[in-house]
Amino acid sequence: MYIGIDLGGTNIACGLVNAQAKIVIKHAIPTGRERGSDAVIADMCALIDRLCAEAPGDDPVTGIGIGIPGIADPVTGNVKVCVNLGWYNVPLKAKIAEQFDLPIFIDNDATIAGVAEFFVAQEGKYRDAIMLTLGTGVGGALLVDGKMISGYHGIGSEVGHMIVDASGGLYRCNCGRVGCLETFASSTAIIDYAKRLISKPEAPKTMILDLANGDLNQIDGRIIFEAAEAGDETATEVVNRLVHYLGIGISNLITVLDPEIFLLGGGIAMAGEFLLDRLNRELDTYVSFKESGRGRIELAKLKNDAGIIGAAMYAQIQDRIE
């Protein structure tokens, strides 16, 4: 039995995963990232302790896998940077190892989710594929010739930080640059943009506010897409902007890697076919070499469980290698 932990900007999700890649028990708590790394790691350790206690006696916990929204050193387990958590050079593995005498393996959360989707949900049938996680930020998992890759310095799958608008857009990214895909295609980005439009003096009446009970702070991605599906003018503008820049980002990835398939995960992917229909139409206007075709776009299957399953399976794979 392995523990899989999906450390996100909003929630910490964790679970016990068996050898068949099935979640036996799972829990989730708010991340509370504003409290700093020590408090978050303390919560992670409390969750690990709880799961170890809940594991059946005949199948104890033998390892821990953790997906982080950033970059970790695969040897030391130090978190080099998690911009959406505000973490820099945090010894995550060492701090957890102080309390648990178990193998611990850490990698980027999108790469971890890709392990679950490519090798569990899709049963390893693709050799070249890309997964995009559209949540608090934008993450990527790259499968090339059947192998997960992240580049020489570990940042090769950070697709959320490719520049898709050289003019910079409206917001500075947490990485310090402007114009990143993440500032257009994440749930954070569409919520910020919706608030910006609604706050304009000349803003039209919008269903978004009705669904949010008149409170800007209650606006989330689900509300925006619900309003857009109903034809709301403001919500439609927000979704069109998202689709426009996501189309640019995906077309760039097609030009470089030419995958057979793109899988979309994360909260924004919950919009389902409503999003896919618009994205496919937008993408067809950007792709070069149209005569050669392009990778199709599908929704990831495991949804919110991908991070937990992927982290546990990653730990199992790495444990066997070592």
Protein backbone atom coordinates (compact mmCIF):
# COMPACT_ATOMS: atom_id res chain seq x y z
CA MET A 1 0.00 0.00 0.00
CA TYR A 2 1.32 3.45 -0.94
CA ILE A 3 0.28 6.92 0.14
CA GLY A 4 -0.29 9.45 -2.62
CA ILE A 5 -0.37 13.16 -1.79
CA ASP A 6 -1.51 15.86 -4.19
CA LEU A 7 -0.29 19.18 -2.78
CA GLY A 8 -2.26 21.93 -4.50
CA GLY A 9 -2.55 25.65 -4.15
CA THR A 10 -6.06 25.25 -2.74
CA ASN A 11 -6.25 21.77 -1.17
CA ILE A 12 -4.07 18.94 0.05
CA ALA A 13 -5.60 15.68 -1.18
CA CYS A 14 -4.20 12.36 -0.07
CA GLY A 15 -5.09 8.70 -0.07
CA LEU A 16 -4.11 5.08 0.39
CA VAL A 17 -3.65 3.39 -2.99
CA ASN A 18 -3.38 -0.36 -3.47
CA ALA A 19 -1.30 -2.34 -5.98
CA GLN A 20 -4.15 -2.18 -8.50
CA ALA A 21 -3.99 1.64 -8.48
CA LYS A 22 -7.32 1.93 -6.65
CA ILE A 23 -7.86 4.47 -3.88
CA VAL A 24 -8.87 2.67 -0.70
CA ILE A 25 -9.17 5.69 1.61
CA LYS A 26 -8.79 9.39 0.86
CA HIS A 27 -8.91 12.70 2.70
CA ALA A 28 -8.59 16.37 1.75
CA ILE A 29 -8.03 19.58 3.70
CA PRO A 30 -7.46 23.22 2.68
CA THR A 31 -3.82 24.04 1.97
CA GLY A 32 -3.79 27.37 3.73
CA ARG A 33 -0.71 28.40 1.77
CA GLU A 34 -0.61 31.85 3.38
CA ARG A 35 0.55 30.14 6.63
CA GLY A 36 3.93 29.21 5.19
CA SER A 37 5.68 25.93 4.41
CA ASP A 38 6.17 24.69 7.99
CA ALA A 39 2.46 24.76 8.78
CA VAL A 40 1.52 23.10 5.49
CA ILE A 41 4.12 20.36 5.96
CA ALA A 42 2.84 19.78 9.50
CA ASP A 43 -0.63 19.21 8.04
CA MET A 44 0.81 16.80 5.46
CA CYS A 45 2.53 14.82 8.21
CA ALA A 46 -0.72 14.66 10.19
CA LEU A 47 -2.49 13.26 7.12
CA ILE A 48 0.27 10.69 6.56
CA ASP A 49 0.04 9.62 10.19
CA ARG A 50 -3.74 9.25 9.87
CA LEU A 51 -3.48 7.16 6.69
CA CYS A 52 -0.79 4.92 8.21
CA ALA A 53 -3.13 4.26 11.13
CA GLU A 54 -6.02 3.51 8.76
CA ALA A 55 -4.04 1.10 6.57
CA PRO A 56 -5.07 -2.55 6.99
CA GLY A 57 -2.72 -4.62 9.12
CA ASP A 58 -2.03 -7.10 6.34
CA ASP A 59 -1.14 -4.35 3.84
CA PRO A 60 0.80 -1.57 5.60
CA VAL A 61 2.12 1.60 4.01
CA THR A 62 5.44 0.98 2.26
CA GLY A 63 6.11 4.34 0.59
CA ILE A 64 4.94 7.90 0.03
CA GLY A 65 4.62 9.79 -3.24
CA ILE A 66 4.03 13.55 -3.36
CA GLY A 67 3.06 15.78 -6.26
CA ILE A 68 3.96 19.45 -5.80
CA PRO A 69 2.92 22.47 -7.90
CA GLY A 70 6.51 23.29 -8.78
CA ILE A 71 9.99 21.82 -9.17
CA ALA A 72 11.74 19.43 -6.80
CA ASP A 73 15.23 17.95 -6.79
CA PRO A 74 14.64 14.23 -7.47
CA VAL A 75 17.63 13.20 -5.33
CA THR A 76 17.35 15.39 -2.23
CA GLY A 77 13.58 15.91 -2.36
CA ASN A 78 14.09 19.63 -1.78
CA VAL A 79 11.45 21.84 -3.35
CA LYS A 80 13.38 24.26 -5.51
CA VAL A 81 10.41 26.48 -6.25
CA CYS A 82 6.62 26.42 -5.94
CA VAL A 83 5.57 29.86 -7.14
CA ASN A 84 1.88 29.37 -6.34
CA LEU A 85 2.74 28.40 -2.75
CA GLY A 86 5.55 30.89 -2.33
CA TRP A 87 8.02 28.10 -1.53
CA TYR A 88 11.71 28.37 -2.38
CA ASN A 89 14.36 25.82 -1.37
CA VAL A 90 12.11 23.98 1.10
CA PRO A 91 13.52 20.61 2.34
CA LEU A 92 10.16 18.83 2.03
CA LYS A 93 11.48 15.27 1.94
CA ALA A 94 13.84 15.80 4.87
CA LYS A 95 11.11 17.33 7.04
CA ILE A 96 8.71 14.45 6.39
CA ALA A 97 11.50 11.87 6.83
CA GLU A 98 12.04 13.23 10.36
CA GLN A 99 8.72 11.65 11.32
CA PHE A 100 8.33 8.67 8.97
CA ASP A 101 10.83 5.95 8.19
CA LEU A 102 9.46 5.31 4.71
CA PRO A 103 10.72 5.87 1.14
CA ILE A 104 9.56 9.31 -0.03
CA PHE A 105 9.43 10.41 -3.67
CA ILE A 106 8.54 13.91 -4.90
CA ASP A 107 7.87 15.31 -8.37
CA ASN A 108 5.84 17.94 -10.17
CA ASP A 109 2.10 17.51 -9.64
CA ALA A 110 1.19 17.65 -13.34
CA THR A 111 3.84 15.04 -14.15
CA ILE A 112 2.44 12.91 -11.33
CA ALA A 113 -1.11 13.29 -12.69
CA GLY A 114 0.24 12.34 -16.11
CA VAL A 115 1.60 9.08 -14.70
CA ALA A 116 -1.92 8.22 -13.53
CA GLU A 117 -3.62 9.22 -16.76
CA PHE A 118 -1.11 7.81 -19.25
CA PHE A 119 -0.30 4.53 -17.53
CA VAL A 120 -3.41 3.76 -15.46
CA ALA A 121 -6.46 5.37 -17.08
CA GLN A 122 -5.13 5.03 -20.66
CA GLU A 123 -3.32 1.75 -19.90
CA GLY A 124 -0.11 2.88 -21.60
CA LYS A 125 -1.58 2.86 -25.09
CA TYR A 126 0.00 6.17 -26.15
CA ARG A 127 3.68 6.80 -26.90
CA ASP A 128 3.45 10.57 -27.39
CA ALA A 129 0.93 12.53 -25.36
CA ILE A 130 0.55 15.72 -23.35
CA MET A 131 -1.60 16.38 -20.32
CA LEU A 132 -2.52 19.90 -19.24
CA THR A 133 -3.81 20.51 -15.74
CA LEU A 134 -5.94 23.65 -15.64
CA GLY A 135 -6.43 24.48 -11.98
CA THR A 136 -5.08 27.15 -9.63
CA GLY A 137 -2.19 27.28 -12.09
CA VAL A 138 -1.45 25.50 -15.37
CA GLY A 139 0.73 22.41 -15.32
CA GLY A 140 1.92 20.01 -17.98
CA ALA A 141 2.94 16.37 -18.29
CA LEU A 142 4.91 15.31 -21.36
CA LEU A 143 5.08 11.73 -22.61
CA VAL A 144 7.61 11.29 -25.42
CA ASP A 145 8.35 7.87 -26.91
CA GLY A 146 6.63 6.25 -23.95
CA LYS A 147 8.68 8.08 -21.31
CA MET A 148 7.81 10.94 -19.00
CA ILE A 149 10.17 13.85 -19.59
CA SER A 150 10.84 17.09 -17.77
CA GLY A 151 14.09 18.26 -19.36
CA TYR A 152 17.69 18.60 -18.22
CA HIS A 153 16.92 21.14 -15.46
CA GLY A 154 13.51 19.74 -14.52
CA ILE A 155 11.50 22.62 -16.01
CA GLY A 156 10.71 21.11 -19.41
CA SER A 157 7.09 20.36 -18.52
CA GLU A 158 6.32 23.79 -17.03
CA VAL A 159 4.04 24.64 -19.93
CA GLY A 160 2.04 27.12 -17.86
CA HIS A 161 4.99 29.48 -18.05
CA MET A 162 5.36 29.62 -21.81
CA ILE A 163 4.74 33.15 -23.10
CA VAL A 164 1.53 33.34 -25.14
CA ASP A 165 1.13 37.14 -25.20
CA ALA A 166 4.31 39.15 -25.76
CA SER A 167 2.46 42.35 -24.83
CA GLY A 168 2.15 40.97 -21.30
CA GLY A 169 -1.59 40.79 -20.78
CA LEU A 170 -3.19 42.16 -17.63
CA TYR A 171 -1.44 40.34 -14.82
CA ARG A 172 2.07 39.46 -13.68
CA CYS A 173 2.57 35.74 -13.23
CA ASN A 174 3.72 34.34 -9.89
CA CYS A 175 6.94 33.32 -11.65
CA GLY A 176 7.73 37.01 -12.07
CA ARG A 177 7.12 37.31 -15.80
CA VAL A 178 4.15 38.59 -17.76
CA GLY A 179 2.29 36.94 -20.61
CA CYS A 180 2.47 33.36 -19.28
CA LEU A 181 -0.23 30.88 -20.30
CA GLU A 182 -1.06 30.49 -16.61
CA THR A 183 -2.21 34.12 -16.42
CA PHE A 184 -4.85 33.41 -19.06
CA ALA A 185 -5.86 29.74 -18.77
CA SER A 186 -5.94 28.94 -15.04
CA SER A 187 -8.98 29.13 -12.78
CA THR A 188 -7.21 31.94 -10.93
CA ALA A 189 -6.88 33.85 -14.21
CA ILE A 190 -10.48 33.54 -15.33
CA ILE A 191 -11.78 34.47 -11.89
CA ASP A 192 -9.54 37.57 -11.79
CA TYR A 193 -10.61 38.56 -15.29
CA ALA A 194 -14.30 38.10 -14.49
CA LYS A 195 -13.93 40.32 -11.43
CA ARG A 196 -12.14 42.93 -13.54
CA LEU A 197 -14.95 43.02 -16.11
CA ILE A 198 -17.70 43.11 -13.50
CA SER A 199 -16.01 45.97 -11.62
CA LYS A 200 -16.02 48.29 -14.63
CA PRO A 201 -18.45 51.21 -14.20
CA GLU A 202 -20.12 50.44 -17.54
CA ALA A 203 -20.29 46.68 -16.94
CA PRO A 204 -23.53 45.01 -18.08
CA LYS A 205 -25.65 43.05 -15.64
CA THR A 206 -24.24 39.56 -15.37
CA MET A 207 -25.54 36.20 -14.24
CA ILE A 208 -22.14 35.59 -12.64
CA LEU A 209 -23.00 37.91 -9.76
CA ASP A 210 -26.42 36.32 -9.32
CA LEU A 211 -24.85 32.87 -9.02
CA ALA A 212 -22.27 34.27 -6.60
CA ASN A 213 -24.99 35.83 -4.40
CA GLY A 214 -23.71 39.28 -5.28
CA ASP A 215 -20.30 38.58 -3.72
CA LEU A 216 -17.25 38.88 -5.99
CA ASN A 217 -15.29 36.69 -3.61
CA GLN A 218 -17.65 33.75 -4.23
CA ILE A 219 -16.97 33.66 -7.97
CA ASP A 220 -15.33 30.45 -9.12
CA GLY A 221 -14.74 28.64 -12.39
CA ARG A 222 -17.92 26.58 -12.13
CA ILE A 223 -20.04 29.72 -11.85
CA ILE A 224 -18.32 31.34 -14.83
CA PHE A 225 -18.90 28.35 -17.09
CA GLU A 226 -22.49 27.91 -15.90
CA ALA A 227 -23.19 31.53 -16.81
CA ALA A 228 -21.39 31.18 -20.16
CA GLU A 229 -23.45 28.12 -21.08
CA ALA A 230 -26.56 30.20 -20.36
CA GLY A 231 -25.34 32.84 -22.83
CA ASP A 232 -24.25 35.49 -20.32
CA GLU A 233 -22.28 38.24 -22.08
CA THR A 234 -19.58 38.74 -19.45
CA ALA A 235 -19.04 35.04 -18.82
CA THR A 236 -18.81 34.40 -22.55
CA GLU A 237 -16.09 37.05 -22.87
CA VAL A 238 -14.14 35.40 -20.04
CA VAL A 239 -14.40 31.93 -21.60
CA ASN A 240 -13.54 33.21 -25.08
CA ARG A 241 -10.37 34.80 -23.72
CA LEU A 242 -9.41 31.57 -21.97
CA VAL A 243 -10.00 29.52 -25.11
CA HIS A 244 -8.08 31.96 -27.29
CA TYR A 245 -4.88 31.76 -25.24
CA LEU A 246 -5.20 28.07 -24.46
CA GLY A 247 -5.47 27.49 -28.20
CA ILE A 248 -2.24 29.42 -28.76
CA GLY A 249 -0.47 27.42 -26.06
CA ILE A 250 -1.62 24.05 -27.40
CA SER A 251 -0.74 24.98 -30.97
CA ASN A 252 2.81 25.81 -29.82
CA LEU A 253 3.08 22.39 -28.16
CA ILE A 254 1.84 20.72 -31.34
CA THR A 255 4.52 22.49 -33.35
CA VAL A 256 7.28 21.33 -31.00
CA LEU A 257 6.14 17.84 -29.93
CA ASP A 258 3.28 16.77 -32.24
CA PRO A 259 1.57 14.45 -29.72
CA GLU A 260 -1.11 11.93 -30.62
CA ILE A 261 -3.42 13.22 -27.90
CA PHE A 262 -3.89 16.03 -25.38
CA LEU A 263 -5.63 15.27 -22.09
CA LEU A 264 -7.19 18.13 -20.13
CA GLY A 265 -7.46 17.83 -16.36
CA GLY A 266 -8.00 20.17 -13.43
CA GLY A 267 -11.02 22.17 -12.36
CA ILE A 268 -11.51 24.01 -15.65
CA ALA A 269 -11.75 20.69 -17.50
CA MET A 270 -14.95 20.04 -15.54
CA ALA A 271 -16.60 22.29 -18.13
CA GLY A 272 -16.46 19.22 -20.38
CA GLU A 273 -17.73 19.30 -23.94
CA PHE A 274 -18.69 22.97 -23.68
CA LEU A 275 -14.99 23.77 -23.37
CA LEU A 276 -13.76 21.13 -25.82
CA ASP A 277 -16.07 22.28 -28.64
CA ARG A 278 -14.84 25.85 -28.41
CA LEU A 279 -11.22 24.86 -27.97
CA ASN A 280 -11.24 22.60 -31.03
CA ARG A 281 -12.69 25.36 -33.20
CA GLU A 282 -10.15 27.86 -31.90
CA LEU A 283 -7.24 25.47 -32.31
CA ASP A 284 -8.06 24.79 -35.94
CA THR A 285 -7.33 28.45 -36.71
CA TYR A 286 -3.79 28.28 -35.27
CA VAL A 287 -2.34 24.92 -36.24
CA SER A 288 0.24 24.84 -38.99
CA PHE A 289 0.49 21.98 -41.51
CA LYS A 290 -3.24 21.35 -41.39
CA GLU A 291 -2.88 18.70 -44.07
CA SER A 292 -0.98 16.50 -41.61
CA GLY A 293 -3.67 16.54 -38.95
CA ARG A 294 -3.16 17.20 -35.24
CA GLY A 295 -3.48 15.44 -31.93
CA ARG A 296 -7.03 15.22 -30.66
CA ILE A 297 -8.11 16.74 -27.35
CA GLU A 298 -9.93 14.71 -24.70
CA LEU A 299 -10.86 15.09 -21.07
CA ALA A 300 -8.70 13.29 -18.53
CA LYS A 301 -10.54 10.37 -16.94
CA LEU A 302 -9.41 10.33 -13.32
CA LYS A 303 -10.38 13.93 -12.57
CA ASN A 304 -9.48 14.93 -8.98
CA ASP A 305 -8.13 11.48 -8.16
CA ALA A 306 -5.31 11.66 -10.73
CA GLY A 307 -2.93 13.41 -8.34
CA ILE A 308 -3.40 10.89 -5.55
CA ILE A 309 -3.20 7.82 -7.79
CA GLY A 310 -0.29 9.20 -9.78
CA ALA A 311 1.72 10.09 -6.67
CA ALA A 312 1.23 6.62 -5.21
CA MET A 313 2.06 4.86 -8.47
CA TYR A 314 5.11 7.09 -8.95
CA ALA A 315 6.33 6.09 -5.49
CA GLN A 316 5.76 2.44 -6.32
CA ILE A 317 7.70 2.71 -9.59
CA GLN A 318 10.60 4.64 -8.04
CA ASP A 319 10.71 2.32 -5.04
CA ARG A 320 11.18 -0.66 -7.36
CA ILE A 321 13.92 1.12 -9.29
CA GLU A 322 15.84 1.87 -6.12
